[in-house]
C-alpha cells in the first residue's frame, strides 16, 4: 500500500526561503532554494525560530547606529515680550 502525500500547507514565502507544514505529521519544512532543505518537528521549529528571533533582535541593536540625542533649545521669551 502506498503512502499518500502529506497535505502541505504553505506558511510563508520570502526572497530567501519558504516555510510549509504538514499538520498531520507535525513537520515543518524550511526550504532555501538552490541551497538546502530542513525538516523539523514542531517543537524543534519553535525553539529554533525563538533563537533566530532573539538573535535578530540582538543584531539589529548592535548594527543600528545609536540615535543622536535631540538638542533642547530653550526659549527665554514670553508672550508679553513680543
C-alpha atoms as a PDB file:
ATOM      1  CA  UNK A   1       0.000   0.000   0.000  1.00  0.00           C
ATOM      2  CA  UNK A   2       1.385   3.404  -0.996  1.00  0.00           C
ATOM      3  CA  UNK A   3       1.513   6.223   1.497  1.00  0.00           C
ATOM      4  CA  UNK A   4      -0.432   9.250   0.325  1.00  0.00           C
ATOM      5  CA  UNK A   5       1.454  12.558   0.079  1.00  0.00           C
ATOM      6  CA  UNK A   6       1.324  14.913   3.032  1.00  0.00           C
ATOM      7  CA  UNK A   7      -1.234  17.723   2.831  1.00  0.00           C
ATOM      8  CA  UNK A   8       1.302  20.538   2.886  1.00  0.00           C
ATOM      9  CA  UNK A   9       0.166  23.976   3.966  1.00  0.00           C
ATOM     10  CA  UNK A  10       2.377  26.858   2.835  1.00  0.00           C
ATOM     11  CA  UNK A  11       3.098  29.227   5.692  1.00  0.00           C
ATOM     12  CA  UNK A  12       5.334  31.896   4.176  1.00  0.00           C
ATOM     13  CA  UNK A  13       7.484  32.587   1.148  1.00  0.00           C
ATOM     14  CA  UNK A  14      10.170  35.255   1.202  1.00  0.00           C
ATOM     15  CA  UNK A  15      13.011  36.215  -1.122  1.00  0.00           C
ATOM     16  CA  UNK A  16      15.253  33.693   0.646  1.00  0.00           C
ATOM     17  CA  UNK A  17      13.119  30.803   1.880  1.00  0.00           C
ATOM     18  CA  UNK A  18       9.795  29.012   2.011  1.00  0.00           C
ATOM     19  CA  UNK A  19       8.153  27.503   5.083  1.00  0.00           C
ATOM     20  CA  UNK A  20       5.450  24.874   4.895  1.00  0.00           C
ATOM     21  CA  UNK A  21       3.930  22.445   7.380  1.00  0.00           C
ATOM     22  CA  UNK A  22       2.150  19.106   7.362  1.00  0.00           C
ATOM     23  CA  UNK A  23      -0.313  19.341  10.240  1.00  0.00           C
ATOM     24  CA  UNK A  24      -0.905  15.589  10.148  1.00  0.00           C
ATOM     25  CA  UNK A  25       2.785  14.709  10.577  1.00  0.00           C
ATOM     26  CA  UNK A  26       3.539  17.848  12.635  1.00  0.00           C
ATOM     27  CA  UNK A  27       6.602  18.526  10.483  1.00  0.00           C
ATOM     28  CA  UNK A  28       7.788  21.965   9.347  1.00  0.00           C
ATOM     29  CA  UNK A  29       9.730  22.183   6.090  1.00  0.00           C
ATOM     30  CA  UNK A  30      12.237  25.005   5.607  1.00  0.00           C
ATOM     31  CA  UNK A  31      13.447  25.288   2.029  1.00  0.00           C
ATOM     32  CA  UNK A  32      16.225  27.637   0.979  1.00  0.00           C
ATOM     33  CA  UNK A  33      16.028  27.340  -2.823  1.00  0.00           C
ATOM     34  CA  UNK A  34      19.186  26.149  -4.509  1.00  0.00           C
ATOM     35  CA  UNK A  35      20.856  25.635  -1.155  1.00  0.00           C
ATOM     36  CA  UNK A  36      19.329  23.246   1.376  1.00  0.00           C
ATOM     37  CA  UNK A  37      16.108  21.995   2.943  1.00  0.00           C
ATOM     38  CA  UNK A  38      15.365  21.115   6.553  1.00  0.00           C
ATOM     39  CA  UNK A  39      12.568  19.235   8.257  1.00  0.00           C
ATOM     40  CA  UNK A  40      11.780  19.941  11.900  1.00  0.00           C
ATOM     41  CA  UNK A  41       9.312  18.590  14.395  1.00  0.00           C
ATOM     42  CA  UNK A  42       7.067  21.409  15.596  1.00  0.00           C
ATOM     43  CA  UNK A  43       8.790  21.821  18.981  1.00  0.00           C
ATOM     44  CA  UNK A  44      12.224  21.904  17.324  1.00  0.00           C
ATOM     45  CA  UNK A  45      10.987  24.522  14.881  1.00  0.00           C
ATOM     46  CA  UNK A  46       9.529  26.689  17.666  1.00  0.00           C
ATOM     47  CA  UNK A  47      12.796  26.626  19.620  1.00  0.00           C
ATOM     48  CA  UNK A  48      14.895  27.392  16.527  1.00  0.00           C
ATOM     49  CA  UNK A  49      12.511  30.184  15.492  1.00  0.00           C
ATOM     50  CA  UNK A  50      12.735  31.698  19.001  1.00  0.00           C
ATOM     51  CA  UNK A  51      16.535  31.553  18.851  1.00  0.00           C
ATOM     52  CA  UNK A  52      16.575  33.250  15.425  1.00  0.00           C
ATOM     53  CA  UNK A  53      14.158  35.902  16.664  1.00  0.00           C
ATOM     54  CA  UNK A  54      16.329  36.691  19.707  1.00  0.00           C
ATOM     55  CA  UNK A  55      19.488  36.743  17.576  1.00  0.00           C
ATOM     56  CA  UNK A  56      17.786  39.053  15.078  1.00  0.00           C
ATOM     57  CA  UNK A  57      16.822  41.498  17.826  1.00  0.00           C
ATOM     58  CA  UNK A  58      20.343  41.486  19.259  1.00  0.00           C
ATOM     59  CA  UNK A  59      21.941  42.041  15.842  1.00  0.00           C
ATOM     60  CA  UNK A  60      19.546  44.868  14.980  1.00  0.00           C
ATOM     61  CA  UNK A  61      20.525  46.646  18.200  1.00  0.00           C
ATOM     62  CA  UNK A  62      24.258  46.065  17.645  1.00  0.00           C
ATOM     63  CA  UNK A  63      24.252  47.013  13.959  1.00  0.00           C
ATOM     64  CA  UNK A  64      21.985  50.055  14.070  1.00  0.00           C
ATOM     65  CA  UNK A  65      23.752  53.282  14.929  1.00  0.00           C
ATOM     66  CA  UNK A  66      22.677  54.836  18.198  1.00  0.00           C
ATOM     67  CA  UNK A  67      20.175  57.615  17.652  1.00  0.00           C
ATOM     68  CA  UNK A  68      21.559  61.088  18.179  1.00  0.00           C
ATOM     69  CA  UNK A  69      20.239  62.925  21.186  1.00  0.00           C
ATOM     70  CA  UNK A  70      17.881  65.708  20.300  1.00  0.00           C
ATOM     71  CA  UNK A  71      19.092  69.168  21.113  1.00  0.00           C
ATOM     72  CA  UNK A  72      16.975  71.056  23.556  1.00  0.00           C
ATOM     73  CA  UNK A  73      16.609  74.694  22.698  1.00  0.00           C
ATOM     74  CA  UNK A  74      15.414  76.956  25.467  1.00  0.00           C
ATOM     75  CA  UNK A  75      13.427  79.981  24.519  1.00  0.00           C
ATOM     76  CA  UNK A  76      13.735  82.777  27.005  1.00  0.00           C
ATOM     77  CA  UNK A  77      10.823  84.844  25.915  1.00  0.00           C
ATOM     78  CA  UNK A  78       7.213  85.064  26.839  1.00  0.00           C
ATOM     79  CA  UNK A  79       4.148  86.176  25.009  1.00  0.00           C
ATOM     80  CA  UNK A  80       4.491  89.601  26.658  1.00  0.00           C
ATOM     81  CA  UNK A  81       7.953  90.083  25.133  1.00  0.00           C
ATOM     82  CA  UNK A  82       6.593  90.068  21.584  1.00  0.00           C
END
